[in-house]
Amino acid sequence: MPPDPGHEPHKIMIKRGAFTDAARCGRSVPYKIYYPVAHNLGTLPVIIWSHGLGGTADGAAFLGRFVSSHGYVVVNIQHAGTDSSIWEGKPGHPWDVIRATPITRENTVNRFLDVPFALDALPKWRDETPEIGEHMDLSRLGMSGHSFGALTTQVLCGQAFPAADGRLESFRDGRFSAAIAYSPIPAHDGATGAGRSPDDIYGGINIPMLHMTGTDDVSPLGGVTATQREEPFRHAGAGSQRLVVLEGGDHMVFAGSRGKLGEHPLRARHEEIVKIISLAFWDACLRGDPAAEEWLEGARVRDFCGGDARIALRARPADF
C-alpha cells in the first residue's frame, strides 16, 4: 500500500536564505529548504526544485513538504530574471504581465547556471548549518522543477540547448542521479532546425526521469500543448523513463496554486497522485528501495491511479 497522501510522518522545518555568486556579479540565488526533524531516517537524499516562469521558491509547497516529511532535504531555489520580480508591483494580472515580458537568452542561461552554483554552495552551507547539514547526503541528488523549471531540469540532466550561434550547447551536471520534470517543455523550433532530430536534442538525458503532465496541460502563457509535453519522454536517451499523464490535469496542478484558473474538481486527487508517485520514484532512485521500484513497475501503481492517470514506461512502448 502507498503511504497516506494526507499524512506527513515527520515534522518539517524550513530554512530560508540566499547564496551569492561572486563570479556572476554577486547574483543572488534565494533558497527555501524543507527538512525533517526528530527522525531516525539516517542520512537524507537532497532534491533541488526549480520554479516556473514568474514563480518563487515558495512554489509547490504541498509537494516539498510531503516529500521532505518522508526523509528528504528539498532545496527550492529562485531564479532572478525569470521569477516573480518580472511582474511584482506592475499593473495588471501577473500572467498578462509575464506574457508581455521578453525573456532573454541571458536570463535563461543564468537560470541553468543557478543550479550547479547552488550545488557547489551546499557543502559549505551544510557544514555551517549542522541541524540540517549533518543529515544531508549530497552523494544522492535529485533534480526537479515545474514548467520553466522542468526545462531547467531537462537541460541540467542532458537535454541540449541552442547556443547564441545556433550550435547545441550542454549544461548537463553529472551529479544528479534522477530527475522529475513536471509539465515538461519540448525543445523550441530553433533547437530542432538545421536537420536536427528530437533524438539529437533529448538523447543526452541518460538518467532515470519521471515526466508528469496532464491531458489539459496547455501553457497558460501560450505556445505548448499537452501532447507536445510528452516529447522529451519519447526521445530521451539512456536511463529508465516514466510518463504520468493526469486525466483532466492542467498546468497549475503541479504548482500548488491556480493563478487565473478556477478551482478544479480533481485538484485534490491529482495532488495525491503527484505526491505518491513522486515519493515512490525518489525512494526507488535515490534510496534504492526495491519495494518502491516494484510498486512503480507493477499493476499496483495503475490500481492506485485508477482512471485518473495514465502510466507509461519507455521499456514498454505498447503502454503508450
C-alpha atoms as a PDB file:
ATOM      1  CA  MET A   1       0.000   0.000   0.000  1.00  0.00           C
ATOM      2  CA  PRO A   2       1.284   3.511  -0.722  1.00  0.00           C
ATOM      3  CA  PRO A   3       1.559   5.934   2.218  1.00  0.00           C
ATOM      4  CA  ASP A   4      -1.333   8.177   3.162  1.00  0.00           C
ATOM      5  CA  PRO A   5      -1.029  11.234   0.871  1.00  0.00           C
ATOM      6  CA  GLY A   6      -2.597  13.400   3.554  1.00  0.00           C
ATOM      7  CA  HIS A   7      -0.085  12.467   6.261  1.00  0.00           C
ATOM      8  CA  GLU A   8       3.366  13.966   6.838  1.00  0.00           C
ATOM      9  CA  PRO A   9       5.065  11.433   9.132  1.00  0.00           C
ATOM     10  CA  HIS A  10       7.857  13.705  10.358  1.00  0.00           C
ATOM     11  CA  LYS A  11       7.717  17.322  11.421  1.00  0.00           C
ATOM     12  CA  ILE A  12       9.082  19.690   8.799  1.00  0.00           C
ATOM     13  CA  MET A  13      11.203  22.762   9.382  1.00  0.00           C
ATOM     14  CA  ILE A  14      12.051  25.431   6.823  1.00  0.00           C
ATOM     15  CA  LYS A  15      15.248  27.394   6.349  1.00  0.00           C
ATOM     16  CA  ARG A  16      15.384  30.473   4.116  1.00  0.00           C
ATOM     17  CA  GLY A  17      18.307  32.460   2.824  1.00  0.00           C
ATOM     18  CA  ALA A  18      20.273  33.166  -0.323  1.00  0.00           C
ATOM     19  CA  PHE A  19      23.521  32.058  -1.901  1.00  0.00           C
ATOM     20  CA  THR A  20      25.585  34.817  -3.524  1.00  0.00           C
ATOM     21  CA  ASP A  21      27.567  34.093  -6.671  1.00  0.00           C
ATOM     22  CA  ALA A  22      30.577  36.400  -6.775  1.00  0.00           C
ATOM     23  CA  ALA A  23      31.563  35.067 -10.195  1.00  0.00           C
ATOM     24  CA  ARG A  24      28.302  36.395 -11.655  1.00  0.00           C
ATOM     25  CA  CYS A  25      28.443  39.957 -10.282  1.00  0.00           C
ATOM     26  CA  GLY A  26      27.032  38.999  -6.911  1.00  0.00           C
ATOM     27  CA  ARG A  27      23.951  37.273  -8.335  1.00  0.00           C
ATOM     28  CA  SER A  28      21.647  36.194  -5.514  1.00  0.00           C
ATOM     29  CA  VAL A  29      20.059  32.733  -5.560  1.00  0.00           C
ATOM     30  CA  PRO A  30      17.410  32.630  -2.810  1.00  0.00           C
ATOM     31  CA  TYR A  31      16.533  29.274  -1.307  1.00  0.00           C
ATOM     32  CA  LYS A  32      13.793  27.706   0.766  1.00  0.00           C
ATOM     33  CA  ILE A  33      14.880  24.410   2.288  1.00  0.00           C
ATOM     34  CA  TYR A  34      12.491  21.828   3.744  1.00  0.00           C
ATOM     35  CA  TYR A  35      13.923  19.257   6.114  1.00  0.00           C
ATOM     36  CA  PRO A  36      12.511  16.736   8.604  1.00  0.00           C
ATOM     37  CA  VAL A  37      13.390  16.801  12.289  1.00  0.00           C
ATOM     38  CA  ALA A  38      13.200  14.297  15.154  1.00  0.00           C
ATOM     39  CA  HIS A  39      13.634  11.417  12.751  1.00  0.00           C
ATOM     40  CA  ASN A  40      15.550   8.131  12.706  1.00  0.00           C
ATOM     41  CA  LEU A  41      15.919   8.066   8.926  1.00  0.00           C
ATOM     42  CA  GLY A  42      19.698   8.319   8.791  1.00  0.00           C
ATOM     43  CA  THR A  43      21.195  10.489   6.092  1.00  0.00           C
ATOM     44  CA  LEU A  44      18.779  12.195   3.733  1.00  0.00           C
ATOM     45  CA  PRO A  45      18.985  12.463  -0.062  1.00  0.00           C
ATOM     46  CA  VAL A  46      18.793  16.016  -1.423  1.00  0.00           C
ATOM     47  CA  ILE A  47      16.357  17.205  -4.102  1.00  0.00           C
ATOM     48  CA  ILE A  48      16.654  20.507  -5.966  1.00  0.00           C
ATOM     49  CA  TRP A  49      13.410  22.119  -7.138  1.00  0.00           C
ATOM     50  CA  SER A  50      13.191  24.885  -9.776  1.00  0.00           C
ATOM     51  CA  HIS A  51      10.096  27.085 -10.167  1.00  0.00           C
ATOM     52  CA  GLY A  52       8.248  28.069 -13.325  1.00  0.00           C
ATOM     53  CA  LEU A  53       8.312  31.426 -15.105  1.00  0.00           C
ATOM     54  CA  GLY A  54       7.239  34.188 -12.727  1.00  0.00           C
ATOM     55  CA  GLY A  55       7.382  31.899  -9.706  1.00  0.00           C
ATOM     56  CA  THR A  56       9.345  31.811  -6.475  1.00  0.00           C
ATOM     57  CA  ALA A  57      10.984  29.362  -4.102  1.00  0.00           C
ATOM     58  CA  ASP A  58       7.603  29.114  -2.346  1.00  0.00           C
ATOM     59  CA  GLY A  59       6.007  27.197  -5.223  1.00  0.00           C
ATOM     60  CA  ALA A  60       4.639  23.634  -4.941  1.00  0.00           C
ATOM     61  CA  ALA A  61       4.749  23.726  -1.144  1.00  0.00           C
ATOM     62  CA  PHE A  62       2.292  20.814  -0.968  1.00  0.00           C
ATOM     63  CA  LEU A  63       4.868  18.631  -2.695  1.00  0.00           C
ATOM     64  CA  GLY A  64       8.001  19.911  -0.965  1.00  0.00           C
ATOM     65  CA  ARG A  65       6.534  19.391   2.499  1.00  0.00           C
ATOM     66  CA  PHE A  66       5.214  15.918   1.756  1.00  0.00           C
ATOM     67  CA  VAL A  67       8.392  14.561   0.177  1.00  0.00           C
ATOM     68  CA  SER A  68      10.597  16.101   2.864  1.00  0.00           C
ATOM     69  CA  SER A  69       8.462  14.615   5.647  1.00  0.00           C
ATOM     70  CA  HIS A  70       9.297  11.175   4.265  1.00  0.00           C
ATOM     71  CA  GLY A  71      13.045  11.665   4.591  1.00  0.00           C
ATOM     72  CA  TYR A  72      14.428  14.166   2.091  1.00  0.00           C
ATOM     73  CA  VAL A  73      16.020  17.593   2.153  1.00  0.00           C
ATOM     74  CA  VAL A  74      14.214  19.595  -0.518  1.00  0.00           C
ATOM     75  CA  VAL A  75      16.025  22.709  -1.736  1.00  0.00           C
ATOM     76  CA  ASN A  76      13.763  25.116  -3.622  1.00  0.00           C
ATOM     77  CA  ILE A  77      15.806  27.757  -5.423  1.00  0.00           C
ATOM     78  CA  GLN A  78      14.704  31.015  -7.026  1.00  0.00           C
ATOM     79  CA  HIS A  79      15.957  32.398 -10.343  1.00  0.00           C
ATOM     80  CA  ALA A  80      16.350  36.174 -10.680  1.00  0.00           C
ATOM     81  CA  GLY A  81      15.135  37.483 -14.020  1.00  0.00           C
ATOM     82  CA  THR A  82      12.576  34.719 -14.512  1.00  0.00           C
ATOM     83  CA  ASP A  83      10.971  34.870 -11.060  1.00  0.00           C
ATOM     84  CA  SER A  84       8.194  36.983  -9.532  1.00  0.00           C
ATOM     85  CA  SER A  85      10.296  40.133  -9.989  1.00  0.00           C
ATOM     86  CA  ILE A  86       9.114  40.318 -13.604  1.00  0.00           C
ATOM     87  CA  TRP A  87       5.524  41.032 -12.521  1.00  0.00           C
ATOM     88  CA  GLU A  88       5.540  42.222  -8.893  1.00  0.00           C
ATOM     89  CA  GLY A  89       4.454  45.841  -8.480  1.00  0.00           C
ATOM     90  CA  LYS A  90       3.255  46.127 -12.087  1.00  0.00           C
ATOM     91  CA  PRO A  91      -0.369  46.844 -13.077  1.00  0.00           C
ATOM     92  CA  GLY A  92      -2.481  44.014 -14.435  1.00  0.00           C
ATOM     93  CA  HIS A  93      -2.726  40.321 -13.717  1.00  0.00           C
ATOM     94  CA  PRO A  94       0.690  38.655 -13.306  1.00  0.00           C
ATOM     95  CA  TRP A  95       0.049  36.251 -16.197  1.00  0.00           C
ATOM     96  CA  ASP A  96      -0.693  39.152 -18.546  1.00  0.00           C
ATOM     97  CA  VAL A  97       2.455  40.954 -17.436  1.00  0.00           C
ATOM     98  CA  ILE A  98       4.563  37.803 -17.810  1.00  0.00           C
ATOM     99  CA  ARG A  99       3.112  37.135 -21.262  1.00  0.00           C
ATOM    100  CA  ALA A 100       4.188  40.617 -22.384  1.00  0.00           C
ATOM    101  CA  THR A 101       7.701  40.368 -20.892  1.00  0.00           C
ATOM    102  CA  PRO A 102      10.516  39.200 -23.201  1.00  0.00           C
ATOM    103  CA  ILE A 103      12.691  36.520 -21.612  1.00  0.00           C
ATOM    104  CA  THR A 104      16.251  36.848 -22.840  1.00  0.00           C
ATOM    105  CA  ARG A 105      18.635  34.011 -23.510  1.00  0.00           C
ATOM    106  CA  GLU A 106      20.896  35.506 -20.827  1.00  0.00           C
ATOM    107  CA  ASN A 107      18.122  35.162 -18.234  1.00  0.00           C
ATOM    108  CA  THR A 108      17.503  31.585 -19.315  1.00  0.00           C
ATOM    109  CA  VAL A 109      21.166  30.601 -19.197  1.00  0.00           C
ATOM    110  CA  ASN A 110      21.590  32.263 -15.800  1.00  0.00           C
ATOM    111  CA  ARG A 111      18.714  30.108 -14.575  1.00  0.00           C
ATOM    112  CA  PHE A 112      20.556  26.996 -15.752  1.00  0.00           C
ATOM    113  CA  LEU A 113      23.776  28.183 -14.084  1.00  0.00           C
ATOM    114  CA  ASP A 114      21.981  28.768 -10.778  1.00  0.00           C
ATOM    115  CA  VAL A 115      21.666  25.010 -10.278  1.00  0.00           C
ATOM    116  CA  PRO A 116      25.343  23.938 -10.330  1.00  0.00           C
ATOM    117  CA  PHE A 117      26.176  27.078  -8.357  1.00  0.00           C
ATOM    118  CA  ALA A 118      23.698  26.061  -5.643  1.00  0.00           C
ATOM    119  CA  LEU A 119      25.127  22.531  -5.637  1.00  0.00           C
ATOM    120  CA  ASP A 120      28.628  23.942  -5.224  1.00  0.00           C
ATOM    121  CA  ALA A 121      27.445  26.133  -2.335  1.00  0.00           C
ATOM    122  CA  LEU A 122      25.635  23.387  -0.429  1.00  0.00           C
ATOM    123  CA  PRO A 123      28.676  21.595   1.093  1.00  0.00           C
ATOM    124  CA  LYS A 124      29.846  24.759   2.880  1.00  0.00           C
ATOM    125  CA  TRP A 125      26.267  25.599   3.864  1.00  0.00           C
ATOM    126  CA  ARG A 126      25.842  22.052   5.186  1.00  0.00           C
ATOM    127  CA  ASP A 127      28.907  22.392   7.395  1.00  0.00           C
ATOM    128  CA  GLU A 128      27.686  25.737   8.743  1.00  0.00           C
ATOM    129  CA  THR A 129      24.125  24.502   9.392  1.00  0.00           C
ATOM    130  CA  PRO A 130      24.588  21.327  11.442  1.00  0.00           C
ATOM    131  CA  GLU A 131      20.946  20.908  12.458  1.00  0.00           C
ATOM    132  CA  ILE A 132      20.214  20.158   8.783  1.00  0.00           C
ATOM    133  CA  GLY A 133      23.632  19.526   7.342  1.00  0.00           C
ATOM    134  CA  GLU A 134      24.550  16.542   9.453  1.00  0.00           C
ATOM    135  CA  HIS A 135      21.716  14.646   7.767  1.00  0.00           C
ATOM    136  CA  MET A 136      22.289  15.766   4.151  1.00  0.00           C
ATOM    137  CA  ASP A 137      23.715  13.198   1.754  1.00  0.00           C
ATOM    138  CA  LEU A 138      24.964  15.158  -1.244  1.00  0.00           C
ATOM    139  CA  SER A 139      26.015  11.963  -2.992  1.00  0.00           C
ATOM    140  CA  ARG A 140      22.322  11.185  -3.591  1.00  0.00           C
ATOM    141  CA  LEU A 141      20.970  14.108  -5.597  1.00  0.00           C
ATOM    142  CA  GLY A 142      17.707  14.566  -7.477  1.00  0.00           C
ATOM    143  CA  MET A 143      16.694  17.421  -9.786  1.00  0.00           C
ATOM    144  CA  SER A 144      13.124  18.585 -10.330  1.00  0.00           C
ATOM    145  CA  GLY A 145      11.056  21.527 -11.466  1.00  0.00           C
ATOM    146  CA  HIS A 146       7.790  22.752 -12.952  1.00  0.00           C
ATOM    147  CA  SER A 147       7.304  24.243 -16.437  1.00  0.00           C
ATOM    148  CA  PHE A 148      10.326  26.543 -16.970  1.00  0.00           C
ATOM    149  CA  GLY A 149      11.719  24.621 -14.012  1.00  0.00           C
ATOM    150  CA  ALA A 150      11.020  21.391 -15.904  1.00  0.00           C
ATOM    151  CA  LEU A 151      13.054  22.721 -18.832  1.00  0.00           C
ATOM    152  CA  THR A 152      15.785  23.626 -16.352  1.00  0.00           C
ATOM    153  CA  THR A 153      15.625  20.048 -15.062  1.00  0.00           C
ATOM    154  CA  GLN A 154      15.756  18.563 -18.553  1.00  0.00           C
ATOM    155  CA  VAL A 155      18.733  20.726 -19.562  1.00  0.00           C
ATOM    156  CA  LEU A 156      20.678  20.052 -16.357  1.00  0.00           C
ATOM    157  CA  CYS A 157      20.100  16.341 -16.975  1.00  0.00           C
ATOM    158  CA  GLY A 158      21.336  16.347 -20.557  1.00  0.00           C
ATOM    159  CA  GLN A 159      18.863  17.969 -22.954  1.00  0.00           C
ATOM    160  CA  ALA A 160      20.758  20.080 -25.495  1.00  0.00           C
ATOM    161  CA  PHE A 161      20.072  23.821 -25.632  1.00  0.00           C
ATOM    162  CA  PRO A 162      20.790  26.102 -28.598  1.00  0.00           C
ATOM    163  CA  ALA A 163      23.766  28.427 -28.226  1.00  0.00           C
ATOM    164  CA  ALA A 164      23.632  32.017 -29.498  1.00  0.00           C
ATOM    165  CA  ASP A 165      25.263  30.939 -32.765  1.00  0.00           C
ATOM    166  CA  GLY A 166      22.838  28.050 -33.297  1.00  0.00           C
ATOM    167  CA  ARG A 167      25.117  25.262 -32.105  1.00  0.00           C
ATOM    168  CA  LEU A 168      23.808  22.880 -29.499  1.00  0.00           C
ATOM    169  CA  GLU A 169      25.180  23.505 -26.031  1.00  0.00           C
ATOM    170  CA  SER A 170      25.228  21.237 -22.996  1.00  0.00           C
ATOM    171  CA  PHE A 171      24.618  22.338 -19.406  1.00  0.00           C
ATOM    172  CA  ARG A 172      24.447  18.798 -18.069  1.00  0.00           C
ATOM    173  CA  ASP A 173      25.502  18.313 -14.452  1.00  0.00           C
ATOM    174  CA  GLY A 174      26.547  14.739 -13.812  1.00  0.00           C
ATOM    175  CA  ARG A 175      25.933  14.930 -10.084  1.00  0.00           C
ATOM    176  CA  PHE A 176      22.226  14.135 -10.418  1.00  0.00           C
ATOM    177  CA  SER A 177      21.120  10.514 -10.116  1.00  0.00           C
ATOM    178  CA  ALA A 178      17.453  11.000 -11.058  1.00  0.00           C
ATOM    179  CA  ALA A 179      15.002  13.740 -12.003  1.00  0.00           C
ATOM    180  CA  ILE A 180      11.327  14.679 -12.210  1.00  0.00           C
ATOM    181  CA  ALA A 181      10.006  17.123 -14.821  1.00  0.00           C
ATOM    182  CA  TYR A 182       6.521  18.460 -14.002  1.00  0.00           C
ATOM    183  CA  SER A 183       4.921  19.860 -17.189  1.00  0.00           C
ATOM    184  CA  PRO A 184       7.964  19.112 -19.388  1.00  0.00           C
ATOM    185  CA  ILE A 185       8.925  21.669 -22.040  1.00  0.00           C
ATOM    186  CA  PRO A 186       9.657  20.487 -25.598  1.00  0.00           C
ATOM    187  CA  ALA A 187      12.585  21.984 -27.497  1.00  0.00           C
ATOM    188  CA  HIS A 188      11.921  25.272 -29.275  1.00  0.00           C
ATOM    189  CA  ASP A 189      11.803  25.252 -33.061  1.00  0.00           C
ATOM    190  CA  GLY A 190      15.238  26.857 -33.233  1.00  0.00           C
ATOM    191  CA  ALA A 191      16.764  23.857 -31.484  1.00  0.00           C
ATOM    192  CA  THR A 192      15.251  21.289 -33.834  1.00  0.00           C
ATOM    193  CA  GLY A 193      16.083  23.129 -37.052  1.00  0.00           C
ATOM    194  CA  ALA A 194      19.065  22.602 -39.357  1.00  0.00           C
ATOM    195  CA  GLY A 195      18.189  18.937 -39.816  1.00  0.00           C
ATOM    196  CA  ARG A 196      18.412  18.063 -36.125  1.00  0.00           C
ATOM    197  CA  SER A 197      16.181  15.289 -34.896  1.00  0.00           C
ATOM    198  CA  PRO A 198      14.481  15.141 -31.481  1.00  0.00           C
ATOM    199  CA  ASP A 199      16.971  12.410 -30.591  1.00  0.00           C
ATOM    200  CA  ASP A 200      19.779  14.952 -31.073  1.00  0.00           C
ATOM    201  CA  ILE A 201      18.073  17.251 -28.580  1.00  0.00           C
ATOM    202  CA  TYR A 202      16.934  14.807 -25.904  1.00  0.00           C
ATOM    203  CA  GLY A 203      19.377  11.943 -26.369  1.00  0.00           C
ATOM    204  CA  GLY A 204      21.749  13.334 -23.741  1.00  0.00           C
ATOM    205  CA  ILE A 205      19.216  12.632 -20.984  1.00  0.00           C
ATOM    206  CA  ASN A 206      20.730   9.438 -19.580  1.00  0.00           C
ATOM    207  CA  ILE A 207      19.459   9.169 -16.005  1.00  0.00           C
ATOM    208  CA  PRO A 208      16.090   7.918 -14.722  1.00  0.00           C
ATOM    209  CA  MET A 209      13.484  10.628 -15.231  1.00  0.00           C
ATOM    210  CA  LEU A 210       9.813  10.855 -14.370  1.00  0.00           C
ATOM    211  CA  HIS A 211       7.825  13.063 -16.752  1.00  0.00           C
ATOM    212  CA  MET A 212       4.494  14.274 -15.311  1.00  0.00           C
ATOM    213  CA  THR A 213       1.845  16.149 -17.285  1.00  0.00           C
ATOM    214  CA  GLY A 214      -1.920  16.189 -17.830  1.00  0.00           C
ATOM    215  CA  THR A 215      -4.375  15.914 -20.682  1.00  0.00           C
ATOM    216  CA  ASP A 216      -5.224  19.625 -20.248  1.00  0.00           C
ATOM    217  CA  ASP A 217      -1.659  20.739 -19.550  1.00  0.00           C
ATOM    218  CA  VAL A 218      -1.671  23.620 -22.021  1.00  0.00           C
ATOM    219  CA  SER A 219       0.639  26.503 -21.171  1.00  0.00           C
ATOM    220  CA  PRO A 220      -1.373  29.438 -19.759  1.00  0.00           C
ATOM    221  CA  LEU A 221       1.205  31.672 -21.433  1.00  0.00           C
ATOM    222  CA  GLY A 222       0.731  30.004 -24.817  1.00  0.00           C
ATOM    223  CA  GLY A 223       2.960  28.009 -27.109  1.00  0.00           C
ATOM    224  CA  VAL A 224       2.981  24.470 -25.668  1.00  0.00           C
ATOM    225  CA  THR A 225       0.270  21.843 -25.981  1.00  0.00           C
ATOM    226  CA  ALA A 226      -0.370  18.908 -23.680  1.00  0.00           C
ATOM    227  CA  THR A 227       0.682  16.401 -26.355  1.00  0.00           C
ATOM    228  CA  GLN A 228       3.971  18.204 -27.016  1.00  0.00           C
ATOM    229  CA  ARG A 229       4.910  17.774 -23.351  1.00  0.00           C
ATOM    230  CA  GLU A 230       5.377  14.035 -23.957  1.00  0.00           C
ATOM    231  CA  GLU A 231       8.173  14.657 -26.486  1.00  0.00           C
ATOM    232  CA  PRO A 232      11.108  14.585 -24.007  1.00  0.00           C
ATOM    233  CA  PHE A 233       9.845  11.279 -22.607  1.00  0.00           C
ATOM    234  CA  ARG A 234       9.642   9.693 -26.038  1.00  0.00           C
ATOM    235  CA  HIS A 235      13.103  10.775 -27.194  1.00  0.00           C
ATOM    236  CA  ALA A 236      15.256  10.778 -24.030  1.00  0.00           C
ATOM    237  CA  GLY A 237      18.391   8.655 -24.209  1.00  0.00           C
ATOM    238  CA  ALA A 238      19.503   6.006 -21.742  1.00  0.00           C
ATOM    239  CA  GLY A 239      18.062   5.616 -18.273  1.00  0.00           C
ATOM    240  CA  SER A 240      14.593   4.486 -17.249  1.00  0.00           C
ATOM    241  CA  GLN A 241      11.980   6.978 -18.462  1.00  0.00           C
ATOM    242  CA  ARG A 242       8.489   7.068 -16.957  1.00  0.00           C
ATOM    243  CA  LEU A 243       5.465   9.120 -18.000  1.00  0.00           C
ATOM    244  CA  VAL A 244       2.420  10.005 -15.905  1.00  0.00           C
ATOM    245  CA  VAL A 245      -0.474  11.801 -17.599  1.00  0.00           C
ATOM    246  CA  LEU A 246      -3.207  13.061 -15.270  1.00  0.00           C
ATOM    247  CA  GLU A 247      -6.662  12.721 -16.797  1.00  0.00           C
ATOM    248  CA  GLY A 248      -8.047  16.261 -16.897  1.00  0.00           C
ATOM    249  CA  GLY A 249      -4.882  17.576 -15.238  1.00  0.00           C
ATOM    250  CA  ASP A 250      -3.977  21.155 -16.145  1.00  0.00           C
ATOM    251  CA  HIS A 251      -0.794  23.195 -15.936  1.00  0.00           C
ATOM    252  CA  MET A 252      -1.258  24.614 -12.468  1.00  0.00           C
ATOM    253  CA  VAL A 253      -1.919  21.356 -10.622  1.00  0.00           C
ATOM    254  CA  PHE A 254       1.845  20.944 -10.191  1.00  0.00           C
ATOM    255  CA  ALA A 255       2.378  24.495  -8.891  1.00  0.00           C
ATOM    256  CA  GLY A 256       0.141  24.326  -5.841  1.00  0.00           C
ATOM    257  CA  SER A 257      -1.699  27.494  -6.917  1.00  0.00           C
ATOM    258  CA  ARG A 258      -4.306  28.293  -9.565  1.00  0.00           C
ATOM    259  CA  GLY A 259      -3.445  31.747 -10.922  1.00  0.00           C
ATOM    260  CA  LYS A 260      -6.256  32.804 -13.268  1.00  0.00           C
ATOM    261  CA  LEU A 261      -7.662  29.286 -13.462  1.00  0.00           C
ATOM    262  CA  GLY A 262     -10.723  28.430 -11.421  1.00  0.00           C
ATOM    263  CA  GLU A 263     -10.822  25.617  -8.909  1.00  0.00           C
ATOM    264  CA  HIS A 264     -10.516  22.137 -10.423  1.00  0.00           C
ATOM    265  CA  PRO A 265     -12.803  19.344  -9.176  1.00  0.00           C
ATOM    266  CA  LEU A 266      -9.926  16.833  -9.395  1.00  0.00           C
ATOM    267  CA  ARG A 267      -7.270  19.021  -7.792  1.00  0.00           C
ATOM    268  CA  ALA A 268      -7.117  17.084  -4.528  1.00  0.00           C
ATOM    269  CA  ARG A 269      -6.988  13.729  -6.316  1.00  0.00           C
ATOM    270  CA  HIS A 270      -4.343  14.920  -8.751  1.00  0.00           C
ATOM    271  CA  GLU A 271      -2.191  16.256  -5.919  1.00  0.00           C
ATOM    272  CA  GLU A 272      -2.454  12.854  -4.224  1.00  0.00           C
ATOM    273  CA  ILE A 273      -1.173  11.143  -7.366  1.00  0.00           C
ATOM    274  CA  VAL A 274       1.635  13.681  -7.803  1.00  0.00           C
ATOM    275  CA  LYS A 275       2.784  13.253  -4.196  1.00  0.00           C
ATOM    276  CA  ILE A 276       2.629   9.461  -4.038  1.00  0.00           C
ATOM    277  CA  ILE A 277       4.233   8.714  -7.406  1.00  0.00           C
ATOM    278  CA  SER A 278       6.928  11.361  -6.874  1.00  0.00           C
ATOM    279  CA  LEU A 279       7.831   9.889  -3.496  1.00  0.00           C
ATOM    280  CA  ALA A 280       7.902   6.332  -4.872  1.00  0.00           C
ATOM    281  CA  PHE A 281      10.171   7.471  -7.713  1.00  0.00           C
ATOM    282  CA  TRP A 282      12.611   9.197  -5.340  1.00  0.00           C
ATOM    283  CA  ASP A 283      12.570   6.196  -2.993  1.00  0.00           C
ATOM    284  CA  ALA A 284      13.345   3.865  -5.888  1.00  0.00           C
ATOM    285  CA  CYS A 285      16.068   6.023  -7.449  1.00  0.00           C
ATOM    286  CA  LEU A 286      17.715   7.831  -4.524  1.00  0.00           C
ATOM    287  CA  ARG A 287      17.204   5.245  -1.775  1.00  0.00           C
ATOM    288  CA  GLY A 288      17.386   2.114  -3.904  1.00  0.00           C
ATOM    289  CA  ASP A 289      14.173   0.863  -2.311  1.00  0.00           C
ATOM    290  CA  PRO A 290      13.161  -2.355  -4.134  1.00  0.00           C
ATOM    291  CA  ALA A 291       9.590  -2.161  -2.809  1.00  0.00           C
ATOM    292  CA  ALA A 292       9.143   1.289  -4.343  1.00  0.00           C
ATOM    293  CA  GLU A 293      10.626   0.094  -7.635  1.00  0.00           C
ATOM    294  CA  GLU A 294       8.321  -2.930  -7.668  1.00  0.00           C
ATOM    295  CA  TRP A 295       5.289  -0.730  -6.933  1.00  0.00           C
ATOM    296  CA  LEU A 296       6.170   1.632  -9.791  1.00  0.00           C
ATOM    297  CA  GLU A 297       6.783  -1.217 -12.236  1.00  0.00           C
ATOM    298  CA  GLY A 298       3.721  -3.309 -11.455  1.00  0.00           C
ATOM    299  CA  ALA A 299      -0.038  -3.208 -11.626  1.00  0.00           C
ATOM    300  CA  ARG A 300      -0.413  -1.622  -8.204  1.00  0.00           C
ATOM    301  CA  VAL A 301       0.549   1.860  -9.373  1.00  0.00           C
ATOM    302  CA  ARG A 302      -2.128   1.591 -12.057  1.00  0.00           C
ATOM    303  CA  ASP A 303      -4.631   0.375  -9.471  1.00  0.00           C
ATOM    304  CA  PHE A 304      -3.746   3.379  -7.308  1.00  0.00           C
ATOM    305  CA  CYS A 305      -4.271   5.811 -10.201  1.00  0.00           C
ATOM    306  CA  GLY A 306      -7.402   4.105 -11.492  1.00  0.00           C
ATOM    307  CA  GLY A 307      -8.882   6.121 -14.336  1.00  0.00           C
ATOM    308  CA  ASP A 308      -7.325   9.357 -13.058  1.00  0.00           C
ATOM    309  CA  ALA A 309      -3.915   8.929 -14.698  1.00  0.00           C
ATOM    310  CA  ARG A 310      -2.146   7.025 -17.469  1.00  0.00           C
ATOM    311  CA  ILE A 311       1.255   5.448 -16.803  1.00  0.00           C
ATOM    312  CA  ALA A 312       3.861   4.539 -19.420  1.00  0.00           C
ATOM    313  CA  LEU A 313       7.428   3.193 -19.377  1.00  0.00           C
ATOM    314  CA  ARG A 314       9.901   3.632 -22.225  1.00  0.00           C
ATOM    315  CA  ALA A 315      10.801  -0.040 -21.865  1.00  0.00           C
ATOM    316  CA  ARG A 316       7.212  -0.982 -22.656  1.00  0.00           C
ATOM    317  CA  PRO A 317       6.194   1.052 -25.735  1.00  0.00           C
ATOM    318  CA  ALA A 318       2.878  -0.763 -26.076  1.00  0.00           C
ATOM    319  CA  ASP A 319       1.755   1.113 -22.980  1.00  0.00           C
ATOM    320  CA  PHE A 320       1.697   4.370 -24.904  1.00  0.00           C
END
